[in-house]
Structure formats: structure tokens, C-alpha cells
Amino acid sequence: MKLNNLTSLDPIEQARGVKGLKGTSKLDREIWSAFESSRIEVAAECQAAWEASCVSEQNEVGEAFTRDEWGRDASETERYAPRKERLVQGFFRELVLGNFENKCALTGLAGPKLLIASHIVGWAADESNRVNPRNGIALNPLHDAAFDRHLVSFDDNLRLVVAPRLREEVSGSHFGGELLRFEGTQLSDPQRHTIDRELMARHYRAFEQKCA
């Protein structure tokens, strides 16, 4: 019921005709306002809380881990070191893949382990849209790599456009054929969060500049 109270404050759900419950409290409105104004911070806290709840083995700070991420014993030739992470990347990935039913929005390839949550406008280019699901597309690794490098983009109708130089470089190769055969294909419709057309237009303009 609390979630349905919050749903009544969500403009995305309202646009979909989902009204939620009418018993919204002052605290509900304060919580929603805090979320709306601090999405990145909230996303980071959510991901940290989720990961903490999933930890089954945890050593004291400073101790070396003895098992790798698949549960195998780490050999003496391996060690674990801290690394910089994009703390909300997992949160963003779950939103984007769920928005496209865990399928590549271009090819229909199914399976989250085979997909990448691609930012339309890159992580470093626009901090305000880092966790915006409308700034994301679920893509297979091949098309994601080309999209990230502005070697492909999507036009006003969300159809795949390939840079001429990329077409020349990969023409005749097996993987090149797989990349090119989807040229002109339109992205599938997302389930909840529509693609932000202005963000896609920004990507397309950068794509055109690279093609010039």
C-alpha cells in the first residue's frame, strides 16, 4: 500500500494510466520529493543496501578475500585490490534491462548475461542522466561497442544507422555481416520508460560529426 501511495506521485505511472492509492501522506510527498531531487544519491544508497543484503561471506576490513566471485579458491598468484566503481551502474542496468524485458532492443537477443545497458548520452557527458532509464537501451555487446563509439546511431524513428566508414571496414566479415544486417531496424518498444528523443538526438548529432 505504501508503494501504491508513492505510485500516485509518479508522473511516469500517471502517464501510463496507473493512478495508485489516494491516501498519500505528507511523509510520502517528502520522500518522493527527496527521491526526485537526489536520484543519483538514492540510487547509490539502494544499490549499496541491496549488495549488503546479498553478501553471504564477508571478512573484516583489511583482510584478503580467499575466494573469487565464482566461489573458487584464489591461488597464491592472485590478489584482490580496491578499484573505482560506478556505484549506481548496477541500479541503472537493472532498470534498463527490465525496461526491455531482458532482451536486446535491436536484435531481440534474450538473456541478461548477454546484454549491456548502454547509456545513450555517456556517463561522463551528462551526470544528471546517469541513472535515468530513458537514457538507456539494452543492446548486445557488438552493437553496444559500435554505439558507444558513435559508429552507429538511431535516427528520429529509432532505426539503426551505420557510419559509412564502419560499413566499409567490416563488410565481408562474419561479425560485420551480423552488425550490418540490422541496419534500418527499429528499436523495440520499452515496457515503461520511453527513450528520451532529445538524448538520442544528441547522440545522433555526435554520430554525424564523426561521419563528416
N, C-alpha and C. Protein backbone atom coordinates (compact mmCIF):
# COMPACT_ATOMS: atom_id res chain seq x y z
N MET A 1 0.83 -1.20 0.00
CA MET A 1 0.00 0.00 0.00
C MET A 1 0.87 1.26 0.00
N LYS A 2 1.99 1.20 0.72
CA LYS A 2 2.89 2.35 0.73
C LYS A 2 3.45 2.61 -0.66
N LEU A 3 3.83 1.56 -1.36
CA LEU A 3 4.33 1.71 -2.72
C LEU A 3 3.26 2.29 -3.64
N ASN A 4 2.03 1.89 -3.43
CA ASN A 4 0.95 2.44 -4.25
C ASN A 4 0.67 3.90 -3.91
N ASN A 5 0.94 4.31 -2.65
CA ASN A 5 0.85 5.73 -2.32
C ASN A 5 1.88 6.52 -3.13
N LEU A 6 3.11 5.98 -3.18
CA LEU A 6 4.17 6.65 -3.93
C LEU A 6 3.87 6.63 -5.43
N THR A 7 3.26 5.57 -5.89
CA THR A 7 2.89 5.49 -7.30
C THR A 7 1.98 6.65 -7.71
N SER A 8 1.13 7.08 -6.80
CA SER A 8 0.21 8.18 -7.12
C SER A 8 0.95 9.49 -7.33
N LEU A 9 2.24 9.55 -6.94
CA LEU A 9 3.05 10.75 -7.11
C LEU A 9 3.98 10.66 -8.31
N ASP A 10 4.01 9.51 -8.98
CA ASP A 10 4.95 9.26 -10.06
C ASP A 10 4.34 9.68 -11.40
N PRO A 11 4.86 10.73 -12.04
CA PRO A 11 4.28 11.19 -13.31
C PRO A 11 4.37 10.16 -14.43
N ILE A 12 5.39 9.30 -14.38
CA ILE A 12 5.52 8.27 -15.41
C ILE A 12 4.36 7.29 -15.31
N GLU A 13 4.03 6.89 -14.07
CA GLU A 13 2.91 5.97 -13.89
C GLU A 13 1.58 6.65 -14.23
N GLN A 14 1.47 7.93 -13.90
CA GLN A 14 0.24 8.65 -14.23
C GLN A 14 0.03 8.68 -15.73
N ALA A 15 1.11 8.88 -16.48
CA ALA A 15 1.01 8.91 -17.95
C ALA A 15 0.59 7.56 -18.52
N ARG A 16 0.91 6.49 -17.78
CA ARG A 16 0.52 5.14 -18.22
C ARG A 16 -0.88 4.76 -17.76
N GLY A 17 -1.54 5.68 -17.03
CA GLY A 17 -2.89 5.40 -16.54
C GLY A 17 -2.93 4.65 -15.23
N VAL A 18 -1.77 4.54 -14.55
CA VAL A 18 -1.70 3.86 -13.25
C VAL A 18 -1.83 4.93 -12.18
N LYS A 19 -2.93 4.94 -11.44
CA LYS A 19 -3.22 6.04 -10.53
C LYS A 19 -2.65 5.85 -9.12
N GLY A 20 -2.47 4.61 -8.68
CA GLY A 20 -2.03 4.38 -7.31
C GLY A 20 -3.16 4.61 -6.33
N LEU A 21 -2.80 4.74 -5.04
CA LEU A 21 -3.80 4.96 -4.00
C LEU A 21 -3.92 6.44 -3.65
N LYS A 22 -5.03 6.79 -3.06
CA LYS A 22 -5.30 8.20 -2.77
C LYS A 22 -4.85 8.62 -1.37
N GLY A 23 -4.43 7.68 -0.53
CA GLY A 23 -4.10 8.01 0.85
C GLY A 23 -2.67 8.49 1.03
N THR A 24 -2.22 9.37 0.16
CA THR A 24 -0.85 9.86 0.22
C THR A 24 -0.66 10.80 1.41
N SER A 25 0.37 10.53 2.20
CA SER A 25 0.63 11.34 3.39
C SER A 25 1.65 12.43 3.11
N LYS A 26 1.82 13.32 4.06
CA LYS A 26 2.84 14.36 3.95
C LYS A 26 4.22 13.74 3.85
N LEU A 27 4.46 12.67 4.62
CA LEU A 27 5.76 12.00 4.59
C LEU A 27 6.00 11.35 3.23
N ASP A 28 4.95 10.77 2.63
CA ASP A 28 5.08 10.19 1.29
C ASP A 28 5.56 11.25 0.30
N ARG A 29 4.98 12.44 0.39
CA ARG A 29 5.35 13.52 -0.53
C ARG A 29 6.77 13.98 -0.28
N GLU A 30 7.18 14.02 0.99
CA GLU A 30 8.55 14.42 1.32
C GLU A 30 9.54 13.40 0.78
N ILE A 31 9.21 12.12 0.92
CA ILE A 31 10.09 11.05 0.43
C ILE A 31 10.21 11.12 -1.09
N TRP A 32 9.07 11.31 -1.76
CA TRP A 32 9.12 11.38 -3.23
C TRP A 32 9.91 12.59 -3.69
N SER A 33 9.74 13.71 -3.01
CA SER A 33 10.47 14.92 -3.36
C SER A 33 11.97 14.72 -3.18
N ALA A 34 12.36 14.04 -2.11
CA ALA A 34 13.78 13.76 -1.87
C ALA A 34 14.35 12.86 -2.97
N PHE A 35 13.56 11.90 -3.39
CA PHE A 35 14.00 11.00 -4.46
C PHE A 35 14.15 11.76 -5.78
N GLU A 36 13.18 12.59 -6.10
CA GLU A 36 13.20 13.33 -7.35
C GLU A 36 14.39 14.28 -7.44
N SER A 37 14.80 14.85 -6.31
CA SER A 37 15.88 15.83 -6.31
C SER A 37 17.26 15.20 -6.12
N SER A 38 17.31 13.91 -5.77
CA SER A 38 18.61 13.27 -5.48
C SER A 38 18.65 11.84 -6.02
N ARG A 39 18.27 11.69 -7.29
CA ARG A 39 18.15 10.34 -7.84
C ARG A 39 19.47 9.56 -7.78
N ILE A 40 20.58 10.22 -8.10
CA ILE A 40 21.86 9.50 -8.13
C ILE A 40 22.25 9.05 -6.73
N GLU A 41 22.10 9.93 -5.75
CA GLU A 41 22.44 9.57 -4.38
C GLU A 41 21.55 8.44 -3.87
N VAL A 42 20.26 8.53 -4.16
CA VAL A 42 19.32 7.49 -3.74
C VAL A 42 19.65 6.17 -4.41
N ALA A 43 19.97 6.23 -5.71
CA ALA A 43 20.32 5.01 -6.44
C ALA A 43 21.55 4.34 -5.83
N ALA A 44 22.55 5.15 -5.47
CA ALA A 44 23.77 4.61 -4.86
C ALA A 44 23.46 3.95 -3.52
N GLU A 45 22.61 4.59 -2.72
CA GLU A 45 22.23 4.01 -1.44
C GLU A 45 21.46 2.71 -1.63
N CYS A 46 20.55 2.69 -2.61
CA CYS A 46 19.76 1.48 -2.89
C CYS A 46 20.66 0.32 -3.30
N GLN A 47 21.60 0.61 -4.20
CA GLN A 47 22.48 -0.45 -4.65
C GLN A 47 23.36 -0.97 -3.52
N ALA A 48 23.88 -0.05 -2.70
CA ALA A 48 24.72 -0.47 -1.58
C ALA A 48 23.93 -1.33 -0.59
N ALA A 49 22.68 -0.94 -0.31
CA ALA A 49 21.85 -1.71 0.60
C ALA A 49 21.53 -3.09 0.03
N TRP A 50 21.26 -3.14 -1.28
CA TRP A 50 20.95 -4.42 -1.92
C TRP A 50 22.16 -5.35 -1.88
N GLU A 51 23.32 -4.82 -2.22
CA GLU A 51 24.52 -5.65 -2.23
C GLU A 51 24.85 -6.14 -0.83
N ALA A 52 24.66 -5.29 0.16
CA ALA A 52 24.94 -5.69 1.55
C ALA A 52 24.01 -6.83 1.97
N SER A 53 22.77 -6.80 1.50
CA SER A 53 21.82 -7.84 1.87
C SER A 53 22.11 -9.17 1.18
N CYS A 54 22.90 -9.12 0.10
CA CYS A 54 23.19 -10.33 -0.67
C CYS A 54 24.52 -10.98 -0.28
N VAL A 55 25.28 -10.34 0.58
CA VAL A 55 26.59 -10.87 0.96
C VAL A 55 26.41 -12.07 1.89
N SER A 56 26.98 -13.19 1.52
CA SER A 56 26.92 -14.38 2.36
C SER A 56 28.21 -14.61 3.13
N GLU A 57 29.31 -14.12 2.59
CA GLU A 57 30.60 -14.23 3.26
C GLU A 57 31.26 -12.86 3.25
N GLN A 58 31.67 -12.40 4.40
CA GLN A 58 32.28 -11.08 4.45
C GLN A 58 33.38 -11.09 5.50
N ASN A 59 34.58 -10.71 5.10
CA ASN A 59 35.69 -10.66 6.02
C ASN A 59 35.84 -9.29 6.65
N GLU A 60 36.63 -9.19 7.69
CA GLU A 60 36.89 -7.91 8.33
C GLU A 60 37.63 -7.00 7.36
N VAL A 61 37.46 -5.70 7.50
CA VAL A 61 38.14 -4.73 6.64
C VAL A 61 39.64 -4.93 6.74
N GLY A 62 40.28 -4.97 5.56
CA GLY A 62 41.73 -5.13 5.53
C GLY A 62 42.17 -6.55 5.28
N GLU A 63 41.32 -7.56 5.54
CA GLU A 63 41.68 -8.94 5.28
C GLU A 63 41.51 -9.25 3.81
N ALA A 64 42.38 -10.11 3.29
CA ALA A 64 42.28 -10.50 1.88
C ALA A 64 41.17 -11.51 1.71
N PHE A 65 40.44 -11.42 0.60
CA PHE A 65 39.44 -12.42 0.28
C PHE A 65 40.16 -13.68 -0.19
N THR A 66 39.57 -14.82 0.13
CA THR A 66 40.20 -16.07 -0.25
C THR A 66 39.45 -16.78 -1.36
N ARG A 67 38.32 -16.22 -1.78
CA ARG A 67 37.56 -16.84 -2.86
C ARG A 67 37.22 -15.78 -3.89
N ASP A 68 37.16 -16.20 -5.16
CA ASP A 68 36.85 -15.23 -6.20
C ASP A 68 35.33 -15.10 -6.36
N GLU A 69 34.87 -14.33 -7.38
CA GLU A 69 33.46 -14.03 -7.50
C GLU A 69 32.61 -15.24 -7.88
N TRP A 70 33.25 -16.31 -8.33
CA TRP A 70 32.51 -17.55 -8.64
C TRP A 70 32.63 -18.58 -7.52
N GLY A 71 33.25 -18.19 -6.39
CA GLY A 71 33.36 -19.09 -5.26
C GLY A 71 34.56 -20.01 -5.31
N ARG A 72 35.46 -19.82 -6.27
CA ARG A 72 36.64 -20.68 -6.37
C ARG A 72 37.74 -20.14 -5.47
N ASP A 73 38.59 -21.03 -4.98
CA ASP A 73 39.73 -20.60 -4.18
C ASP A 73 40.70 -19.80 -5.04
N ALA A 74 41.13 -18.67 -4.52
CA ALA A 74 42.10 -17.85 -5.23
C ALA A 74 43.50 -18.41 -5.01
N SER A 75 44.29 -18.51 -6.07
CA SER A 75 45.63 -19.07 -5.95
C SER A 75 46.59 -18.04 -5.37
N GLU A 76 47.81 -18.48 -5.06
CA GLU A 76 48.80 -17.58 -4.48
C GLU A 76 49.27 -16.53 -5.48
N THR A 77 48.97 -16.74 -6.75
CA THR A 77 49.38 -15.77 -7.77
C THR A 77 48.34 -14.69 -8.00
N GLU A 78 47.25 -14.73 -7.22
CA GLU A 78 46.19 -13.76 -7.37
C GLU A 78 45.99 -12.98 -6.08
N ARG A 79 45.57 -11.74 -6.21
CA ARG A 79 45.22 -10.96 -5.04
C ARG A 79 44.10 -9.99 -5.41
N TYR A 80 43.40 -9.53 -4.42
CA TYR A 80 42.29 -8.61 -4.64
C TYR A 80 42.71 -7.21 -4.25
N ALA A 81 42.36 -6.25 -5.06
CA ALA A 81 42.74 -4.87 -4.81
C ALA A 81 41.52 -3.99 -4.99
N PRO A 82 41.42 -2.88 -4.24
CA PRO A 82 40.29 -1.97 -4.42
C PRO A 82 40.33 -1.32 -5.79
N ARG A 83 39.16 -1.03 -6.34
CA ARG A 83 39.09 -0.37 -7.63
C ARG A 83 37.91 0.59 -7.64
N LYS A 84 38.03 1.62 -8.46
CA LYS A 84 36.97 2.62 -8.56
C LYS A 84 35.81 2.03 -9.33
N GLU A 85 34.60 2.17 -8.80
CA GLU A 85 33.43 1.63 -9.45
C GLU A 85 32.38 2.72 -9.64
N ARG A 86 31.57 2.56 -10.65
CA ARG A 86 30.43 3.43 -10.84
C ARG A 86 29.31 2.86 -9.96
N LEU A 87 29.10 3.49 -8.82
CA LEU A 87 28.29 2.91 -7.76
C LEU A 87 26.84 2.67 -8.15
N VAL A 88 26.35 3.40 -9.13
CA VAL A 88 24.94 3.23 -9.50
C VAL A 88 24.78 2.47 -10.81
N GLN A 89 25.86 1.91 -11.35
CA GLN A 89 25.78 1.22 -12.62
C GLN A 89 24.85 0.00 -12.54
N GLY A 90 24.94 -0.73 -11.44
CA GLY A 90 24.07 -1.91 -11.28
C GLY A 90 22.61 -1.52 -11.20
N PHE A 91 22.33 -0.44 -10.52
CA PHE A 91 20.96 0.08 -10.41
C PHE A 91 20.44 0.44 -11.80
N PHE A 92 21.25 1.16 -12.56
CA PHE A 92 20.88 1.58 -13.91
C PHE A 92 20.66 0.35 -14.81
N ARG A 93 21.55 -0.62 -14.70
CA ARG A 93 21.45 -1.82 -15.52
C ARG A 93 20.13 -2.56 -15.27
N GLU A 94 19.75 -2.72 -14.01
CA GLU A 94 18.51 -3.41 -13.70
C GLU A 94 17.31 -2.68 -14.29
N LEU A 95 17.31 -1.35 -14.20
CA LEU A 95 16.21 -0.56 -14.75
C LEU A 95 16.11 -0.73 -16.26
N VAL A 96 17.25 -0.62 -16.94
CA VAL A 96 17.24 -0.64 -18.40
C VAL A 96 16.91 -2.02 -18.94
N LEU A 97 17.55 -3.06 -18.41
CA LEU A 97 17.26 -4.40 -18.91
C LEU A 97 15.82 -4.80 -18.64
N GLY A 98 15.32 -4.44 -17.45
CA GLY A 98 13.92 -4.72 -17.15
C GLY A 98 12.98 -3.97 -18.07
N ASN A 99 13.37 -2.77 -18.47
CA ASN A 99 12.54 -1.96 -19.35
C ASN A 99 12.39 -2.59 -20.73
N PHE A 100 13.38 -3.43 -21.12
CA PHE A 100 13.31 -4.11 -22.42
C PHE A 100 13.16 -5.62 -22.26
N GLU A 101 12.61 -6.04 -21.11
CA GLU A 101 12.28 -7.45 -20.86
C GLU A 101 13.49 -8.37 -21.01
N ASN A 102 14.67 -7.86 -20.63
CA ASN A 102 15.90 -8.64 -20.70
C ASN A 102 16.18 -9.16 -22.12
N LYS A 103 15.86 -8.32 -23.10
CA LYS A 103 16.14 -8.64 -24.50
C LYS A 103 16.85 -7.46 -25.15
N CYS A 104 17.71 -7.75 -26.11
CA CYS A 104 18.33 -6.68 -26.89
C CYS A 104 17.24 -5.92 -27.63
N ALA A 105 17.22 -4.60 -27.47
CA ALA A 105 16.18 -3.79 -28.08
C ALA A 105 16.28 -3.75 -29.59
N LEU A 106 17.42 -4.17 -30.14
CA LEU A 106 17.62 -4.15 -31.59
C LEU A 106 17.44 -5.52 -32.22
N THR A 107 18.08 -6.54 -31.64
CA THR A 107 18.08 -7.86 -32.26
C THR A 107 17.12 -8.85 -31.63
N GLY A 108 16.65 -8.56 -30.41
CA GLY A 108 15.78 -9.49 -29.71
C GLY A 108 16.53 -10.57 -28.95
N LEU A 109 17.87 -10.52 -28.97
CA LEU A 109 18.66 -11.49 -28.22
C LEU A 109 18.25 -11.47 -26.77
N ALA A 110 17.93 -12.64 -26.20
CA ALA A 110 17.43 -12.73 -24.83
C ALA A 110 18.52 -13.21 -23.89
N GLY A 111 18.40 -12.78 -22.62
CA GLY A 111 19.34 -13.23 -21.60
C GLY A 111 20.17 -12.10 -21.04
N PRO A 112 19.96 -11.72 -19.78
CA PRO A 112 20.68 -10.57 -19.22
C PRO A 112 22.19 -10.71 -19.23
N LYS A 113 22.70 -11.94 -19.14
CA LYS A 113 24.16 -12.13 -19.13
C LYS A 113 24.79 -11.80 -20.49
N LEU A 114 23.97 -11.72 -21.51
CA LEU A 114 24.46 -11.43 -22.86
C LEU A 114 24.21 -9.99 -23.27
N LEU A 115 23.70 -9.17 -22.35
CA LEU A 115 23.28 -7.82 -22.70
C LEU A 115 24.04 -6.76 -21.91
N ILE A 116 24.06 -5.57 -22.47
CA ILE A 116 24.68 -4.41 -21.84
C ILE A 116 23.65 -3.28 -21.79
N ALA A 117 23.60 -2.61 -20.65
CA ALA A 117 22.74 -1.43 -20.52
C ALA A 117 23.53 -0.23 -21.04
N SER A 118 23.25 0.16 -22.25
CA SER A 118 24.01 1.22 -22.92
C SER A 118 23.44 2.60 -22.57
N HIS A 119 24.31 3.51 -22.16
CA HIS A 119 23.91 4.90 -21.99
C HIS A 119 23.81 5.55 -23.38
N ILE A 120 22.73 6.26 -23.62
CA ILE A 120 22.60 7.00 -24.89
C ILE A 120 23.58 8.17 -24.88
N VAL A 121 23.48 9.00 -23.87
CA VAL A 121 24.48 10.04 -23.63
C VAL A 121 25.36 9.54 -22.50
N GLY A 122 26.66 9.51 -22.74
CA GLY A 122 27.59 8.80 -21.89
C GLY A 122 27.63 9.25 -20.44
N TRP A 123 28.15 8.35 -19.61
CA TRP A 123 28.29 8.55 -18.17
C TRP A 123 29.01 9.87 -17.85
N ALA A 124 30.12 10.12 -18.52
CA ALA A 124 30.91 11.32 -18.22
C ALA A 124 30.32 12.57 -18.84
N ALA A 125 29.48 12.41 -19.87
CA ALA A 125 28.98 13.57 -20.61
C ALA A 125 27.80 14.25 -19.95
N ASP A 126 27.05 13.52 -19.10
CA ASP A 126 25.84 14.11 -18.52
C ASP A 126 25.54 13.44 -17.18
N GLU A 127 26.03 14.05 -16.12
CA GLU A 127 25.87 13.46 -14.78
C GLU A 127 24.40 13.36 -14.37
N SER A 128 23.59 14.31 -14.79
CA SER A 128 22.19 14.32 -14.37
C SER A 128 21.38 13.16 -14.93
N ASN A 129 21.88 12.52 -16.00
CA ASN A 129 21.15 11.41 -16.62
C ASN A 129 21.82 10.05 -16.43
N ARG A 130 22.71 9.97 -15.47
CA ARG A 130 23.44 8.72 -15.27
C ARG A 130 22.52 7.56 -14.88
N VAL A 131 21.49 7.82 -14.11
CA VAL A 131 20.58 6.75 -13.69
C VAL A 131 19.19 6.91 -14.30
N ASN A 132 19.08 7.74 -15.32
CA ASN A 132 17.80 7.96 -15.98
C ASN A 132 17.53 6.78 -16.93
N PRO A 133 16.51 5.96 -16.66
CA PRO A 133 16.25 4.81 -17.54
C PRO A 133 15.89 5.21 -18.96
N ARG A 134 15.45 6.45 -19.16
CA ARG A 134 15.14 6.93 -20.51
C ARG A 134 16.42 7.23 -21.29
N ASN A 135 17.56 7.19 -20.60
CA ASN A 135 18.86 7.39 -21.23
C ASN A 135 19.55 6.04 -21.46
N GLY A 136 18.78 4.98 -21.51
CA GLY A 136 19.39 3.65 -21.65
C GLY A 136 18.70 2.77 -22.67
N ILE A 137 19.50 1.88 -23.28
CA ILE A 137 18.99 0.87 -24.22
C ILE A 137 19.68 -0.45 -23.88
N ALA A 138 18.94 -1.52 -23.91
CA ALA A 138 19.53 -2.86 -23.77
C ALA A 138 20.04 -3.31 -25.13
N LEU A 139 21.37 -3.51 -25.23
CA LEU A 139 21.97 -3.91 -26.50
C LEU A 139 22.89 -5.10 -26.31
N ASN A 140 23.10 -5.85 -27.37
CA ASN A 140 24.10 -6.91 -27.36
C ASN A 140 25.49 -6.26 -27.41
N PRO A 141 26.54 -6.98 -26.99
CA PRO A 141 27.88 -6.37 -26.90
C PRO A 141 28.41 -5.81 -28.22
N LEU A 142 28.09 -6.44 -29.34
CA LEU A 142 28.60 -5.97 -30.62
C LEU A 142 28.04 -4.60 -30.98
N HIS A 143 26.73 -4.46 -30.93
CA HIS A 143 26.13 -3.18 -31.27
C HIS A 143 26.38 -2.14 -30.19
N ASP A 144 26.51 -2.58 -28.94
CA ASP A 144 26.84 -1.64 -27.87
C ASP A 144 28.20 -1.00 -28.10
N ALA A 145 29.19 -1.81 -28.51
CA ALA A 145 30.54 -1.28 -28.75
C ALA A 145 30.51 -0.24 -29.86
N ALA A 146 29.75 -0.52 -30.93
CA ALA A 146 29.66 0.42 -32.05
C ALA A 146 28.89 1.67 -31.64
N PHE A 147 27.84 1.50 -30.85
CA PHE A 147 27.02 2.62 -30.40
C PHE A 147 27.82 3.53 -29.46
N ASP A 148 28.58 2.93 -28.57
CA ASP A 148 29.37 3.69 -27.60
C ASP A 148 30.43 4.54 -28.30
N ARG A 149 30.94 4.07 -29.44
CA ARG A 149 31.97 4.79 -30.20
C ARG A 149 31.39 5.66 -31.30
N HIS A 150 30.07 5.80 -31.32
CA HIS A 150 29.38 6.62 -32.32
C HIS A 150 29.67 6.15 -33.75
N LEU A 151 29.82 4.82 -33.90
CA LEU A 151 29.95 4.22 -35.22
C LEU A 151 28.58 3.84 -35.77
N VAL A 152 27.61 3.73 -34.89
CA VAL A 152 26.21 3.56 -35.26
C VAL A 152 25.39 4.48 -34.37
N SER A 153 24.18 4.79 -34.82
CA SER A 153 23.27 5.57 -34.00
C SER A 153 21.85 5.21 -34.44
N PHE A 154 20.87 5.96 -33.91
CA PHE A 154 19.48 5.72 -34.26
C PHE A 154 18.85 7.05 -34.66
N ASP A 155 18.09 7.03 -35.77
CA ASP A 155 17.51 8.25 -36.31
C ASP A 155 16.25 8.66 -35.56
N ASP A 156 15.52 9.63 -36.12
CA ASP A 156 14.32 10.14 -35.45
C ASP A 156 13.26 9.07 -35.25
N ASN A 157 13.28 8.03 -36.08
CA ASN A 157 12.33 6.92 -35.95
C ASN A 157 12.93 5.74 -35.20
N LEU A 158 14.08 5.99 -34.56
CA LEU A 158 14.79 4.97 -33.77
C LEU A 158 15.20 3.77 -34.61
N ARG A 159 15.59 4.03 -35.85
CA ARG A 159 16.10 2.99 -36.74
C ARG A 159 17.63 3.06 -36.79
N LEU A 160 18.26 1.91 -36.84
CA LEU A 160 19.72 1.85 -36.81
C LEU A 160 20.33 2.46 -38.06
N VAL A 161 21.31 3.35 -37.84
CA VAL A 161 22.06 3.96 -38.93
C VAL A 161 23.54 3.62 -38.70
N VAL A 162 24.22 3.20 -39.76
CA VAL A 162 25.62 2.76 -39.67
C VAL A 162 26.51 3.76 -40.39
N ALA A 163 27.62 4.12 -39.77
CA ALA A 163 28.57 5.04 -40.39
C ALA A 163 29.17 4.40 -41.64
N PRO A 164 29.30 5.16 -42.75
CA PRO A 164 29.84 4.60 -43.99
C PRO A 164 31.21 3.96 -43.81
N ARG A 165 32.07 4.58 -43.02
CA ARG A 165 33.42 4.02 -42.85
C ARG A 165 33.38 2.69 -42.11
N LEU A 166 32.43 2.54 -41.18
CA LEU A 166 32.31 1.26 -40.48
C LEU A 166 31.82 0.19 -41.45
N ARG A 167 30.87 0.55 -42.31
CA ARG A 167 30.36 -0.40 -43.29
C ARG A 167 31.48 -0.90 -44.20
N GLU A 168 32.36 0.00 -44.60
CA GLU A 168 33.48 -0.39 -45.45
C GLU A 168 34.47 -1.29 -44.72
N GLU A 169 34.71 -0.97 -43.45
CA GLU A 169 35.71 -1.71 -42.68
C GLU A 169 35.28 -3.15 -42.39
N VAL A 170 33.99 -3.34 -42.10
CA VAL A 170 33.54 -4.67 -41.64
C VAL A 170 32.86 -5.47 -42.74
N SER A 171 32.62 -4.85 -43.88
CA SER A 171 31.93 -5.55 -44.96
C SER A 171 32.71 -6.81 -45.36
N GLY A 172 32.00 -7.91 -45.46
CA GLY A 172 32.62 -9.17 -45.87
C GLY A 172 33.03 -10.06 -44.72
N SER A 173 33.11 -9.52 -43.50
CA SER A 173 33.46 -10.34 -42.34
C SER A 173 32.20 -10.90 -41.70
N HIS A 174 32.35 -11.99 -40.97
CA HIS A 174 31.19 -12.64 -40.36
C HIS A 174 30.49 -11.72 -39.37
N PHE A 175 31.25 -11.19 -38.41
CA PHE A 175 30.64 -10.34 -37.40
C PHE A 175 30.19 -9.01 -38.02
N GLY A 176 30.89 -8.57 -39.05
CA GLY A 176 30.46 -7.37 -39.74
C GLY A 176 29.09 -7.56 -40.37
N GLY A 177 28.89 -8.75 -40.93
CA GLY A 177 27.59 -9.05 -41.52
C GLY A 177 26.49 -9.04 -40.48
N GLU A 178 26.79 -9.57 -39.29
CA GLU A 178 25.80 -9.57 -38.21
C GLU A 178 25.48 -8.15 -37.77
N LEU A 179 26.47 -7.30 -37.78
CA LEU A 179 26.26 -5.91 -37.38
C LEU A 179 25.44 -5.17 -38.41
N LEU A 180 25.78 -5.37 -39.69
CA LEU A 180 25.16 -4.60 -40.76
C LEU A 180 23.75 -5.06 -41.10
N ARG A 181 23.43 -6.32 -40.86
CA ARG A 181 22.13 -6.82 -41.31
C ARG A 181 20.95 -6.22 -40.54
N PHE A 182 21.26 -5.55 -39.43
CA PHE A 182 20.18 -4.90 -38.69
C PHE A 182 20.06 -3.41 -39.02
N GLU A 183 20.84 -2.95 -40.02
CA GLU A 183 20.73 -1.55 -40.42
C GLU A 183 19.31 -1.26 -40.89
N GLY A 184 18.73 -0.17 -40.38
CA GLY A 184 17.36 0.18 -40.71
C GLY A 184 16.32 -0.43 -39.79
N THR A 185 16.76 -1.34 -38.89
CA THR A 185 15.84 -1.96 -37.94
C THR A 185 15.48 -0.97 -36.84
N GLN A 186 14.22 -0.94 -36.47
CA GLN A 186 13.75 -0.02 -35.44
C GLN A 186 13.87 -0.68 -34.06
N LEU A 187 14.22 0.10 -33.06
CA LEU A 187 14.30 -0.40 -31.69
C LEU A 187 12.93 -0.86 -31.22
N SER A 188 12.90 -1.91 -30.42
CA SER A 188 11.63 -2.38 -29.86
C SER A 188 11.12 -1.38 -28.82
N ASP A 189 9.82 -1.43 -28.56
CA ASP A 189 9.22 -0.52 -27.60
C ASP A 189 9.58 -0.93 -26.17
N PRO A 190 10.01 0.01 -25.35
CA PRO A 190 10.27 -0.28 -23.94
C PRO A 190 8.96 -0.52 -23.19
N GLN A 191 9.05 -1.16 -22.03
CA GLN A 191 7.86 -1.52 -21.28
C GLN A 191 7.30 -0.35 -20.46
N ARG A 192 8.19 0.49 -19.93
CA ARG A 192 7.72 1.52 -19.01
C ARG A 192 8.31 2.89 -19.31
N HIS A 193 9.61 2.96 -19.46
CA HIS A 193 10.29 4.24 -19.66
C HIS A 193 10.61 4.43 -21.14
N THR A 194 9.95 5.39 -21.77
CA THR A 194 10.22 5.64 -23.18
C THR A 194 11.60 6.25 -23.37
N ILE A 195 12.19 5.99 -24.51
CA ILE A 195 13.51 6.55 -24.82
C ILE A 195 13.40 8.07 -24.96
N ASP A 196 14.32 8.77 -24.34
CA ASP A 196 14.33 10.23 -24.42
C ASP A 196 14.83 10.63 -25.81
N ARG A 197 13.94 11.19 -26.63
CA ARG A 197 14.29 11.51 -28.01
C ARG A 197 15.35 12.61 -28.09
N GLU A 198 15.34 13.55 -27.16
CA GLU A 198 16.34 14.61 -27.19
C GLU A 198 17.73 14.05 -26.89
N LEU A 199 17.81 13.12 -25.95
CA LEU A 199 19.10 12.49 -25.65
C LEU A 199 19.59 11.69 -26.86
N MET A 200 18.66 11.00 -27.52
CA MET A 200 19.04 10.25 -28.71
C MET A 200 19.49 11.20 -29.82
N ALA A 201 18.83 12.35 -29.93
CA ALA A 201 19.22 13.33 -30.94
C ALA A 201 20.64 13.84 -30.67
N ARG A 202 20.99 13.99 -29.39
CA ARG A 202 22.35 14.40 -29.03
C ARG A 202 23.36 13.35 -29.49
N HIS A 203 23.02 12.07 -29.28
CA HIS A 203 23.90 11.00 -29.74
C HIS A 203 24.03 11.03 -31.25
N TYR A 204 22.92 11.25 -31.94
CA TYR A 204 22.93 11.23 -33.41
C TYR A 204 23.76 12.39 -33.95
N ARG A 205 23.69 13.54 -33.30
CA ARG A 205 24.50 14.69 -33.76
C ARG A 205 25.99 14.38 -33.61
N ALA A 206 26.35 13.73 -32.51
CA ALA A 206 27.76 13.34 -32.32
C ALA A 206 28.16 12.30 -33.37
N PHE A 207 27.24 11.41 -33.70
CA PHE A 207 27.47 10.41 -34.73
C PHE A 207 27.73 11.08 -36.09
N GLU A 208 26.90 12.07 -36.43
CA GLU A 208 27.06 12.78 -37.69
C GLU A 208 28.40 13.50 -37.77
N GLN A 209 28.82 14.07 -36.67
CA GLN A 209 30.12 14.75 -36.63
C GLN A 209 31.26 13.79 -36.90
N LYS A 210 31.14 12.57 -36.37
CA LYS A 210 32.17 11.56 -36.62
C LYS A 210 32.17 11.11 -38.06
N CYS A 211 31.00 11.15 -38.68
CA CYS A 211 30.87 10.70 -40.07
C CYS A 211 31.36 11.77 -41.05
N ALA A 212 31.43 13.02 -40.60
CA ALA A 212 31.78 14.12 -41.50
C ALA A 212 33.23 14.00 -41.98
